[in-house]
Amino acid sequence: MPQNYTPEFKKKIVRLRLEEGRTIKSITTEYNISKETLRRWCNEFQKECQAQSLQAPSSANEAEIMKDNLRLRRELAEKEKEILFLKKAAAFFAKEID
């Protein structure tokens, strides 16, 4: 039975694969999606990016905003990883105390 995924979820999954370099197997296992679905989403995203790159920013200001947006997304992803690590560490040490 096909599932409907939100565009935000699809972008998150594609970002894990393309920007963070996660393996297809790790993503499909963690999020319970098929390998073919992940490949299709990545291909769709790449086509979308190519279409957007053909439309150059109309001003230098837009280009700067896009650069900042990308930088902030990377920083956010890094902070989310750090938070996840700290949560796991806290859980580990909480078990040690008990």
PDB file of N, CA and C in Angstrom:
ATOM      1  N   MET A   1       0.846  -1.171   0.000  1.00  0.00           N
ATOM      2  CA  MET A   1       0.000   0.000   0.000  1.00  0.00           C
ATOM      3  C   MET A   1       0.897   1.241   0.000  1.00  0.00           C
ATOM      4  N   PRO A   2       0.767   2.127  -0.985  1.00  0.00           N
ATOM      5  CA  PRO A   2       1.638   3.293  -1.056  1.00  0.00           C
ATOM      6  C   PRO A   2       1.379   4.262   0.091  1.00  0.00           C
ATOM      7  N   GLN A   3       2.461   4.857   0.556  1.00  0.00           N
ATOM      8  CA  GLN A   3       2.349   5.857   1.620  1.00  0.00           C
ATOM      9  C   GLN A   3       2.592   7.224   1.023  1.00  0.00           C
ATOM     10  N   ASN A   4       1.946   8.220   1.601  1.00  0.00           N
ATOM     11  CA  ASN A   4       2.173   9.590   1.179  1.00  0.00           C
ATOM     12  C   ASN A   4       3.123  10.248   2.165  1.00  0.00           C
ATOM     13  N   TYR A   5       4.231  10.757   1.660  1.00  0.00           N
ATOM     14  CA  TYR A   5       5.209  11.434   2.488  1.00  0.00           C
ATOM     15  C   TYR A   5       5.158  12.923   2.193  1.00  0.00           C
ATOM     16  N   THR A   6       5.381  13.719   3.203  1.00  0.00           N
ATOM     17  CA  THR A   6       5.363  15.170   3.009  1.00  0.00           C
ATOM     18  C   THR A   6       6.620  15.593   2.251  1.00  0.00           C
ATOM     19  N   PRO A   7       6.540  16.689   1.523  1.00  0.00           N
ATOM     20  CA  PRO A   7       7.737  17.196   0.832  1.00  0.00           C
ATOM     21  C   PRO A   7       8.884  17.492   1.799  1.00  0.00           C
ATOM     22  N   GLU A   8       8.549  17.942   3.008  1.00  0.00           N
ATOM     23  CA  GLU A   8       9.590  18.236   4.004  1.00  0.00           C
ATOM     24  C   GLU A   8      10.332  16.958   4.398  1.00  0.00           C
ATOM     25  N   PHE A   9       9.572  15.874   4.577  1.00  0.00           N
ATOM     26  CA  PHE A   9      10.189  14.599   4.929  1.00  0.00           C
ATOM     27  C   PHE A   9      11.102  14.120   3.807  1.00  0.00           C
ATOM     28  N   LYS A  10      10.618  14.228   2.568  1.00  0.00           N
ATOM     29  CA  LYS A  10      11.417  13.799   1.416  1.00  0.00           C
ATOM     30  C   LYS A  10      12.721  14.600   1.344  1.00  0.00           C
ATOM     31  N   LYS A  11      12.628  15.911   1.533  1.00  0.00           N
ATOM     32  CA  LYS A  11      13.826  16.759   1.480  1.00  0.00           C
ATOM     33  C   LYS A  11      14.793  16.392   2.594  1.00  0.00           C
ATOM     34  N   LYS A  12      14.258  16.081   3.771  1.00  0.00           N
ATOM     35  CA  LYS A  12      15.114  15.688   4.892  1.00  0.00           C
ATOM     36  C   LYS A  12      15.886  14.416   4.551  1.00  0.00           C
ATOM     37  N   ILE A  13      15.187  13.445   3.998  1.00  0.00           N
ATOM     38  CA  ILE A  13      15.807  12.170   3.651  1.00  0.00           C
ATOM     39  C   ILE A  13      16.863  12.361   2.561  1.00  0.00           C
ATOM     40  N   VAL A  14      16.531  13.147   1.545  1.00  0.00           N
ATOM     41  CA  VAL A  14      17.482  13.403   0.453  1.00  0.00           C
ATOM     42  C   VAL A  14      18.700  14.143   0.991  1.00  0.00           C
ATOM     43  N   ARG A  15      18.476  15.082   1.899  1.00  0.00           N
ATOM     44  CA  ARG A  15      19.591  15.833   2.488  1.00  0.00           C
ATOM     45  C   ARG A  15      20.517  14.902   3.258  1.00  0.00           C
ATOM     46  N   LEU A  16      19.954  13.932   3.965  1.00  0.00           N
ATOM     47  CA  LEU A  16      20.783  12.961   4.684  1.00  0.00           C
ATOM     48  C   LEU A  16      21.701  12.224   3.714  1.00  0.00           C
ATOM     49  N   ARG A  17      21.157  11.868   2.566  1.00  0.00           N
ATOM     50  CA  ARG A  17      21.924  11.109   1.571  1.00  0.00           C
ATOM     51  C   ARG A  17      22.953  11.979   0.860  1.00  0.00           C
ATOM     52  N   LEU A  18      22.522  13.130   0.348  1.00  0.00           N
ATOM     53  CA  LEU A  18      23.394  13.924  -0.510  1.00  0.00           C
ATOM     54  C   LEU A  18      24.348  14.839   0.256  1.00  0.00           C
ATOM     55  N   GLU A  19      23.866  15.485   1.304  1.00  0.00           N
ATOM     56  CA  GLU A  19      24.714  16.440   2.021  1.00  0.00           C
ATOM     57  C   GLU A  19      25.526  15.789   3.132  1.00  0.00           C
ATOM     58  N   GLU A  20      24.915  14.855   3.831  1.00  0.00           N
ATOM     59  CA  GLU A  20      25.610  14.240   4.953  1.00  0.00           C
ATOM     60  C   GLU A  20      26.320  12.954   4.571  1.00  0.00           C
ATOM     61  N   GLY A  21      26.025  12.445   3.376  1.00  0.00           N
ATOM     62  CA  GLY A  21      26.732  11.271   2.893  1.00  0.00           C
ATOM     63  C   GLY A  21      26.343   9.964   3.559  1.00  0.00           C
ATOM     64  N   ARG A  22      25.163   9.915   4.146  1.00  0.00           N
ATOM     65  CA  ARG A  22      24.721   8.672   4.765  1.00  0.00           C
ATOM     66  C   ARG A  22      24.498   7.612   3.702  1.00  0.00           C
ATOM     67  N   THR A  23      24.661   6.362   4.064  1.00  0.00           N
ATOM     68  CA  THR A  23      24.474   5.271   3.113  1.00  0.00           C
ATOM     69  C   THR A  23      22.978   5.030   2.896  1.00  0.00           C
ATOM     70  N   ILE A  24      22.685   4.488   1.735  1.00  0.00           N
ATOM     71  CA  ILE A  24      21.297   4.179   1.404  1.00  0.00           C
ATOM     72  C   ILE A  24      20.742   3.170   2.410  1.00  0.00           C
ATOM     73  N   LYS A  25      21.542   2.187   2.734  1.00  0.00           N
ATOM     74  CA  LYS A  25      21.089   1.142   3.663  1.00  0.00           C
ATOM     75  C   LYS A  25      20.741   1.717   5.033  1.00  0.00           C
ATOM     76  N   SER A  26      21.585   2.610   5.550  1.00  0.00           N
ATOM     77  CA  SER A  26      21.316   3.159   6.883  1.00  0.00           C
ATOM     78  C   SER A  26      20.039   3.994   6.896  1.00  0.00           C
ATOM     79  N   ILE A  27      19.809   4.739   5.819  1.00  0.00           N
ATOM     80  CA  ILE A  27      18.610   5.581   5.756  1.00  0.00           C
ATOM     81  C   ILE A  27      17.363   4.725   5.603  1.00  0.00           C
ATOM     82  N   THR A  28      17.418   3.747   4.699  1.00  0.00           N
ATOM     83  CA  THR A  28      16.240   2.909   4.468  1.00  0.00           C
ATOM     84  C   THR A  28      15.881   2.088   5.703  1.00  0.00           C
ATOM     85  N   THR A  29      16.887   1.662   6.434  1.00  0.00           N
ATOM     86  CA  THR A  29      16.638   0.901   7.652  1.00  0.00           C
ATOM     87  C   THR A  29      16.029   1.791   8.735  1.00  0.00           C
ATOM     88  N   GLU A  30      16.613   2.982   8.911  1.00  0.00           N
ATOM     89  CA  GLU A  30      16.159   3.876   9.975  1.00  0.00           C
ATOM     90  C   GLU A  30      14.752   4.421   9.715  1.00  0.00           C
ATOM     91  N   TYR A  31      14.455   4.764   8.484  1.00  0.00           N
ATOM     92  CA  TYR A  31      13.176   5.410   8.180  1.00  0.00           C
ATOM     93  C   TYR A  31      12.165   4.473   7.526  1.00  0.00           C
ATOM     94  N   ASN A  32      12.525   3.227   7.353  1.00  0.00           N
ATOM     95  CA  ASN A  32      11.621   2.197   6.828  1.00  0.00           C
ATOM     96  C   ASN A  32      11.036   2.592   5.467  1.00  0.00           C
ATOM     97  N   ILE A  33      11.917   2.963   4.551  1.00  0.00           N
ATOM     98  CA  ILE A  33      11.512   3.242   3.177  1.00  0.00           C
ATOM     99  C   ILE A  33      12.333   2.343   2.259  1.00  0.00           C
ATOM    100  N   SER A  34      11.864   2.156   1.051  1.00  0.00           N
ATOM    101  CA  SER A  34      12.587   1.258   0.140  1.00  0.00           C
ATOM    102  C   SER A  34      13.761   1.985  -0.511  1.00  0.00           C
ATOM    103  N   LYS A  35      14.727   1.200  -0.969  1.00  0.00           N
ATOM    104  CA  LYS A  35      15.894   1.763  -1.648  1.00  0.00           C
ATOM    105  C   LYS A  35      15.471   2.495  -2.913  1.00  0.00           C
ATOM    106  N   GLU A  36      14.520   1.916  -3.622  1.00  0.00           N
ATOM    107  CA  GLU A  36      14.063   2.520  -4.878  1.00  0.00           C
ATOM    108  C   GLU A  36      13.374   3.862  -4.625  1.00  0.00           C
ATOM    109  N   THR A  37      12.624   3.950  -3.548  1.00  0.00           N
ATOM    110  CA  THR A  37      11.966   5.210  -3.197  1.00  0.00           C
ATOM    111  C   THR A  37      13.013   6.284  -2.926  1.00  0.00           C
ATOM    112  N   LEU A  38      14.036   5.926  -2.173  1.00  0.00           N
ATOM    113  CA  LEU A  38      15.101   6.882  -1.866  1.00  0.00           C
ATOM    114  C   LEU A  38      15.813   7.325  -3.139  1.00  0.00           C
ATOM    115  N   ARG A  39      16.119   6.391  -4.010  1.00  0.00           N
ATOM    116  CA  ARG A  39      16.786   6.745  -5.275  1.00  0.00           C
ATOM    117  C   ARG A  39      15.913   7.679  -6.118  1.00  0.00           C
ATOM    118  N   ARG A  40      14.623   7.386  -6.164  1.00  0.00           N
ATOM    119  CA  ARG A  40      13.712   8.218  -6.950  1.00  0.00           C
ATOM    120  C   ARG A  40      13.655   9.641  -6.382  1.00  0.00           C
ATOM    121  N   TRP A  41      13.575   9.761  -5.050  1.00  0.00           N
ATOM    122  CA  TRP A  41      13.556  11.086  -4.430  1.00  0.00           C
ATOM    123  C   TRP A  41      14.838  11.852  -4.717  1.00  0.00           C
ATOM    124  N   CYS A  42      15.975  11.169  -4.656  1.00  0.00           N
ATOM    125  CA  CYS A  42      17.258  11.826  -4.939  1.00  0.00           C
ATOM    126  C   CYS A  42      17.303  12.309  -6.392  1.00  0.00           C
ATOM    127  N   ASN A  43      16.837  11.481  -7.316  1.00  0.00           N
ATOM    128  CA  ASN A  43      16.817  11.884  -8.728  1.00  0.00           C
ATOM    129  C   ASN A  43      15.896  13.073  -8.945  1.00  0.00           C
ATOM    130  N   GLU A  44      14.716  13.066  -8.323  1.00  0.00           N
ATOM    131  CA  GLU A  44      13.784  14.181  -8.450  1.00  0.00           C
ATOM    132  C   GLU A  44      14.410  15.463  -7.904  1.00  0.00           C
ATOM    133  N   PHE A  45      15.075  15.340  -6.760  1.00  0.00           N
ATOM    134  CA  PHE A  45      15.702  16.504  -6.141  1.00  0.00           C
ATOM    135  C   PHE A  45      16.810  17.069  -7.034  1.00  0.00           C
ATOM    136  N   GLN A  46      17.609  16.194  -7.632  1.00  0.00           N
ATOM    137  CA  GLN A  46      18.689  16.657  -8.497  1.00  0.00           C
ATOM    138  C   GLN A  46      18.139  17.354  -9.736  1.00  0.00           C
ATOM    139  N   LYS A  47      17.051  16.821 -10.304  1.00  0.00           N
ATOM    140  CA  LYS A  47      16.431  17.474 -11.457  1.00  0.00           C
ATOM    141  C   LYS A  47      15.896  18.846 -11.072  1.00  0.00           C
ATOM    142  N   GLU A  48      15.306  18.931  -9.897  1.00  0.00           N
ATOM    143  CA  GLU A  48      14.775  20.202  -9.408  1.00  0.00           C
ATOM    144  C   GLU A  48      15.900  21.216  -9.210  1.00  0.00           C
ATOM    145  N   CYS A  49      17.013  20.760  -8.665  1.00  0.00           N
ATOM    146  CA  CYS A  49      18.157  21.651  -8.441  1.00  0.00           C
ATOM    147  C   CYS A  49      18.744  22.134  -9.764  1.00  0.00           C
ATOM    148  N   GLN A  50      18.812  21.244 -10.750  1.00  0.00           N
ATOM    149  CA  GLN A  50      19.336  21.643 -12.054  1.00  0.00           C
ATOM    150  C   GLN A  50      18.427  22.686 -12.686  1.00  0.00           C
ATOM    151  N   ALA A  51      17.135  22.528 -12.561  1.00  0.00           N
ATOM    152  CA  ALA A  51      16.196  23.497 -13.117  1.00  0.00           C
ATOM    153  C   ALA A  51      16.336  24.839 -12.414  1.00  0.00           C
ATOM    154  N   GLN A  52      16.545  24.820 -11.116  1.00  0.00           N
ATOM    155  CA  GLN A  52      16.697  26.060 -10.368  1.00  0.00           C
ATOM    156  C   GLN A  52      18.020  26.741 -10.677  1.00  0.00           C
ATOM    157  N   SER A  53      19.061  25.955 -10.940  1.00  0.00           N
ATOM    158  CA  SER A  53      20.364  26.558 -11.226  1.00  0.00           C
ATOM    159  C   SER A  53      20.362  27.258 -12.578  1.00  0.00           C
ATOM    160  N   LEU A  54      19.465  26.842 -13.476  1.00  0.00           N
ATOM    161  CA  LEU A  54      19.354  27.518 -14.768  1.00  0.00           C
ATOM    162  C   LEU A  54      18.763  28.908 -14.605  1.00  0.00           C
ATOM    163  N   GLN A  55      17.983  29.085 -13.567  1.00  0.00           N
ATOM    164  CA  GLN A  55      17.414  30.390 -13.278  1.00  0.00           C
ATOM    165  C   GLN A  55      18.344  31.091 -12.284  1.00  0.00           C
ATOM    166  N   ALA A  56      19.285  31.854 -12.795  1.00  0.00           N
ATOM    167  CA  ALA A  56      20.266  32.522 -11.937  1.00  0.00           C
ATOM    168  C   ALA A  56      19.565  33.553 -11.060  1.00  0.00           C
ATOM    169  N   PRO A  57      20.082  33.793  -9.872  1.00  0.00           N
ATOM    170  CA  PRO A  57      19.490  34.808  -9.006  1.00  0.00           C
ATOM    171  C   PRO A  57      19.480  36.159  -9.723  1.00  0.00           C
ATOM    172  N   SER A  58      18.402  36.888  -9.541  1.00  0.00           N
ATOM    173  CA  SER A  58      18.261  38.155 -10.244  1.00  0.00           C
ATOM    174  C   SER A  58      19.144  39.242  -9.673  1.00  0.00           C
ATOM    175  N   SER A  59      19.645  39.045  -8.486  1.00  0.00           N
ATOM    176  CA  SER A  59      20.514  40.062  -7.909  1.00  0.00           C
ATOM    177  C   SER A  59      21.573  39.405  -7.028  1.00  0.00           C
ATOM    178  N   ALA A  60      22.604  40.183  -6.755  1.00  0.00           N
ATOM    179  CA  ALA A  60      23.670  39.684  -5.884  1.00  0.00           C
ATOM    180  C   ALA A  60      23.129  39.439  -4.478  1.00  0.00           C
ATOM    181  N   ASN A  61      22.150  40.219  -4.088  1.00  0.00           N
ATOM    182  CA  ASN A  61      21.558  40.063  -2.758  1.00  0.00           C
ATOM    183  C   ASN A  61      20.892  38.696  -2.617  1.00  0.00           C
ATOM    184  N   GLU A  62      20.186  38.257  -3.638  1.00  0.00           N
ATOM    185  CA  GLU A  62      19.554  36.937  -3.595  1.00  0.00           C
ATOM    186  C   GLU A  62      20.602  35.833  -3.517  1.00  0.00           C
ATOM    187  N   ALA A  63      21.688  36.003  -4.249  1.00  0.00           N
ATOM    188  CA  ALA A  63      22.763  35.011  -4.212  1.00  0.00           C
ATOM    189  C   ALA A  63      23.358  34.931  -2.809  1.00  0.00           C
ATOM    190  N   GLU A  64      23.534  36.077  -2.173  1.00  0.00           N
ATOM    191  CA  GLU A  64      24.084  36.118  -0.813  1.00  0.00           C
ATOM    192  C   GLU A  64      23.112  35.458   0.172  1.00  0.00           C
ATOM    193  N   ILE A  65      21.845  35.701  -0.010  1.00  0.00           N
ATOM    194  CA  ILE A  65      20.833  35.095   0.861  1.00  0.00           C
ATOM    195  C   ILE A  65      20.839  33.575   0.699  1.00  0.00           C
ATOM    196  N   MET A  66      20.953  33.111  -0.536  1.00  0.00           N
ATOM    197  CA  MET A  66      21.000  31.670  -0.775  1.00  0.00           C
ATOM    198  C   MET A  66      22.230  31.043  -0.129  1.00  0.00           C
ATOM    199  N   LYS A  67      23.363  31.748  -0.216  1.00  0.00           N
ATOM    200  CA  LYS A  67      24.600  31.255   0.400  1.00  0.00           C
ATOM    201  C   LYS A  67      24.447  31.148   1.917  1.00  0.00           C
ATOM    202  N   ASP A  68      23.890  32.203   2.514  1.00  0.00           N
ATOM    203  CA  ASP A  68      23.677  32.209   3.959  1.00  0.00           C
ATOM    204  C   ASP A  68      22.716  31.101   4.368  1.00  0.00           C
ATOM    205  N   ASN A  69      21.672  30.912   3.570  1.00  0.00           N
ATOM    206  CA  ASN A  69      20.693  29.870   3.857  1.00  0.00           C
ATOM    207  C   ASN A  69      21.363  28.495   3.873  1.00  0.00           C
ATOM    208  N   LEU A  70      22.191  28.228   2.879  1.00  0.00           N
ATOM    209  CA  LEU A  70      22.892  26.944   2.818  1.00  0.00           C
ATOM    210  C   LEU A  70      23.827  26.768   4.012  1.00  0.00           C
ATOM    211  N   ARG A  71      24.552  27.826   4.358  1.00  0.00           N
ATOM    212  CA  ARG A  71      25.466  27.774   5.506  1.00  0.00           C
ATOM    213  C   ARG A  71      24.691  27.487   6.792  1.00  0.00           C
ATOM    214  N   LEU A  72      23.572  28.177   6.964  1.00  0.00           N
ATOM    215  CA  LEU A  72      22.776  27.988   8.174  1.00  0.00           C
ATOM    216  C   LEU A  72      22.164  26.589   8.239  1.00  0.00           C
ATOM    217  N   ARG A  73      21.777  26.048   7.096  1.00  0.00           N
ATOM    218  CA  ARG A  73      21.247  24.684   7.078  1.00  0.00           C
ATOM    219  C   ARG A  73      22.319  23.685   7.508  1.00  0.00           C
ATOM    220  N   ARG A  74      23.532  23.905   7.034  1.00  0.00           N
ATOM    221  CA  ARG A  74      24.630  23.003   7.425  1.00  0.00           C
ATOM    222  C   ARG A  74      24.908  23.108   8.913  1.00  0.00           C
ATOM    223  N   GLU A  75      24.919  24.352   9.431  1.00  0.00           N
ATOM    224  CA  GLU A  75      25.142  24.548  10.862  1.00  0.00           C
ATOM    225  C   GLU A  75      24.034  23.879  11.670  1.00  0.00           C
ATOM    226  N   LEU A  76      22.793  24.034  11.227  1.00  0.00           N
ATOM    227  CA  LEU A  76      21.670  23.418  11.918  1.00  0.00           C
ATOM    228  C   LEU A  76      21.804  21.903  11.938  1.00  0.00           C
ATOM    229  N   ALA A  77      22.172  21.327  10.809  1.00  0.00           N
ATOM    230  CA  ALA A  77      22.350  19.870  10.747  1.00  0.00           C
ATOM    231  C   ALA A  77      23.434  19.426  11.721  1.00  0.00           C
ATOM    232  N   GLU A  78      24.518  20.188  11.799  1.00  0.00           N
ATOM    233  CA  GLU A  78      25.613  19.853  12.719  1.00  0.00           C
ATOM    234  C   GLU A  78      25.139  19.946  14.169  1.00  0.00           C
ATOM    235  N   LYS A  79      24.386  20.980  14.487  1.00  0.00           N
ATOM    236  CA  LYS A  79      23.878  21.148  15.856  1.00  0.00           C
ATOM    237  C   LYS A  79      22.896  20.031  16.211  1.00  0.00           C
ATOM    238  N   GLU A  80      22.069  19.624  15.241  1.00  0.00           N
ATOM    239  CA  GLU A  80      21.142  18.527  15.503  1.00  0.00           C
ATOM    240  C   GLU A  80      21.895  17.234  15.796  1.00  0.00           C
ATOM    241  N   LYS A  81      22.998  17.010  15.087  1.00  0.00           N
ATOM    242  CA  LYS A  81      23.825  15.827  15.365  1.00  0.00           C
ATOM    243  C   LYS A  81      24.401  15.897  16.773  1.00  0.00           C
ATOM    244  N   GLU A  82      24.883  17.089  17.148  1.00  0.00           N
ATOM    245  CA  GLU A  82      25.462  17.259  18.478  1.00  0.00           C
ATOM    246  C   GLU A  82      24.414  17.021  19.560  1.00  0.00           C
ATOM    247  N   ILE A  83      23.216  17.540  19.356  1.00  0.00           N
ATOM    248  CA  ILE A  83      22.145  17.357  20.333  1.00  0.00           C
ATOM    249  C   ILE A  83      21.804  15.880  20.467  1.00  0.00           C
ATOM    250  N   LEU A  84      21.700  15.185  19.346  1.00  0.00           N
ATOM    251  CA  LEU A  84      21.400  13.755  19.378  1.00  0.00           C
ATOM    252  C   LEU A  84      22.478  12.992  20.144  1.00  0.00           C
ATOM    253  N   PHE A  85      23.735  13.335  19.898  1.00  0.00           N
ATOM    254  CA  PHE A  85      24.843  12.688  20.608  1.00  0.00           C
ATOM    255  C   PHE A  85      24.742  12.954  22.112  1.00  0.00           C
ATOM    256  N   LEU A  86      24.468  14.200  22.480  1.00  0.00           N
ATOM    257  CA  LEU A  86      24.379  14.540  23.900  1.00  0.00           C
ATOM    258  C   LEU A  86      23.197  13.841  24.578  1.00  0.00           C
ATOM    259  N   LYS A  87      22.093  13.692  23.861  1.00  0.00           N
ATOM    260  CA  LYS A  87      20.961  12.970  24.425  1.00  0.00           C
ATOM    261  C   LYS A  87      21.334  11.513  24.694  1.00  0.00           C
ATOM    262  N   LYS A  88      22.033  10.905  23.738  1.00  0.00           N
ATOM    263  CA  LYS A  88      22.452   9.516  23.913  1.00  0.00           C
ATOM    264  C   LYS A  88      23.442   9.379  25.070  1.00  0.00           C
ATOM    265  N   ALA A  89      24.353  10.348  25.169  1.00  0.00           N
ATOM    266  CA  ALA A  89      25.328  10.312  26.252  1.00  0.00           C
ATOM    267  C   ALA A  89      24.635  10.477  27.602  1.00  0.00           C
ATOM    268  N   ALA A  90      23.674  11.384  27.668  1.00  0.00           N
ATOM    269  CA  ALA A  90      22.920  11.591  28.913  1.00  0.00           C
ATOM    270  C   ALA A  90      22.176  10.323  29.308  1.00  0.00           C
ATOM    271  N   ALA A  91      21.563   9.665  28.352  1.00  0.00           N
ATOM    272  CA  ALA A  91      20.839   8.429  28.632  1.00  0.00           C
ATOM    273  C   ALA A  91      21.803   7.351  29.128  1.00  0.00           C
ATOM    274  N   PHE A  92      22.983   7.281  28.504  1.00  0.00           N
ATOM    275  CA  PHE A  92      23.980   6.298  28.909  1.00  0.00           C
ATOM    276  C   PHE A  92      24.409   6.529  30.349  1.00  0.00           C
ATOM    277  N   PHE A  93      24.724   7.790  30.680  1.00  0.00           N
ATOM    278  CA  PHE A  93      25.200   8.073  32.031  1.00  0.00           C
ATOM    279  C   PHE A  93      24.072   7.974  33.050  1.00  0.00           C
ATOM    280  N   ALA A  94      22.846   8.200  32.635  1.00  0.00           N
ATOM    281  CA  ALA A  94      21.714   8.039  33.552  1.00  0.00           C
ATOM    282  C   ALA A  94      21.575   6.566  33.935  1.00  0.00           C
ATOM    283  N   LYS A  95      21.834   5.674  32.994  1.00  0.00           N
ATOM    284  CA  LYS A  95      21.792   4.242  33.287  1.00  0.00           C
ATOM    285  C   LYS A  95      22.913   3.860  34.249  1.00  0.00           C
ATOM    286  N   GLU A  96      24.077   4.497  34.080  1.00  0.00           N
ATOM    287  CA  GLU A  96      25.222   4.207  34.934  1.00  0.00           C
ATOM    288  C   GLU A  96      24.929   4.593  36.389  1.00  0.00           C
ATOM    289  N   ILE A  97      24.178   5.671  36.601  1.00  0.00           N
ATOM    290  CA  ILE A  97      23.894   6.160  37.954  1.00  0.00           C
ATOM    291  C   ILE A  97      22.929   5.212  38.662  1.00  0.00           C
ATOM    292  N   ASP A  98      21.973   4.687  37.939  1.00  0.00           N
ATOM    293  CA  ASP A  98      20.967   3.794  38.543  1.00  0.00           C
ATOM    294  C   ASP A  98      21.592   2.532  38.948  1.00  0.00           C
TER     295      ASP A  98
END
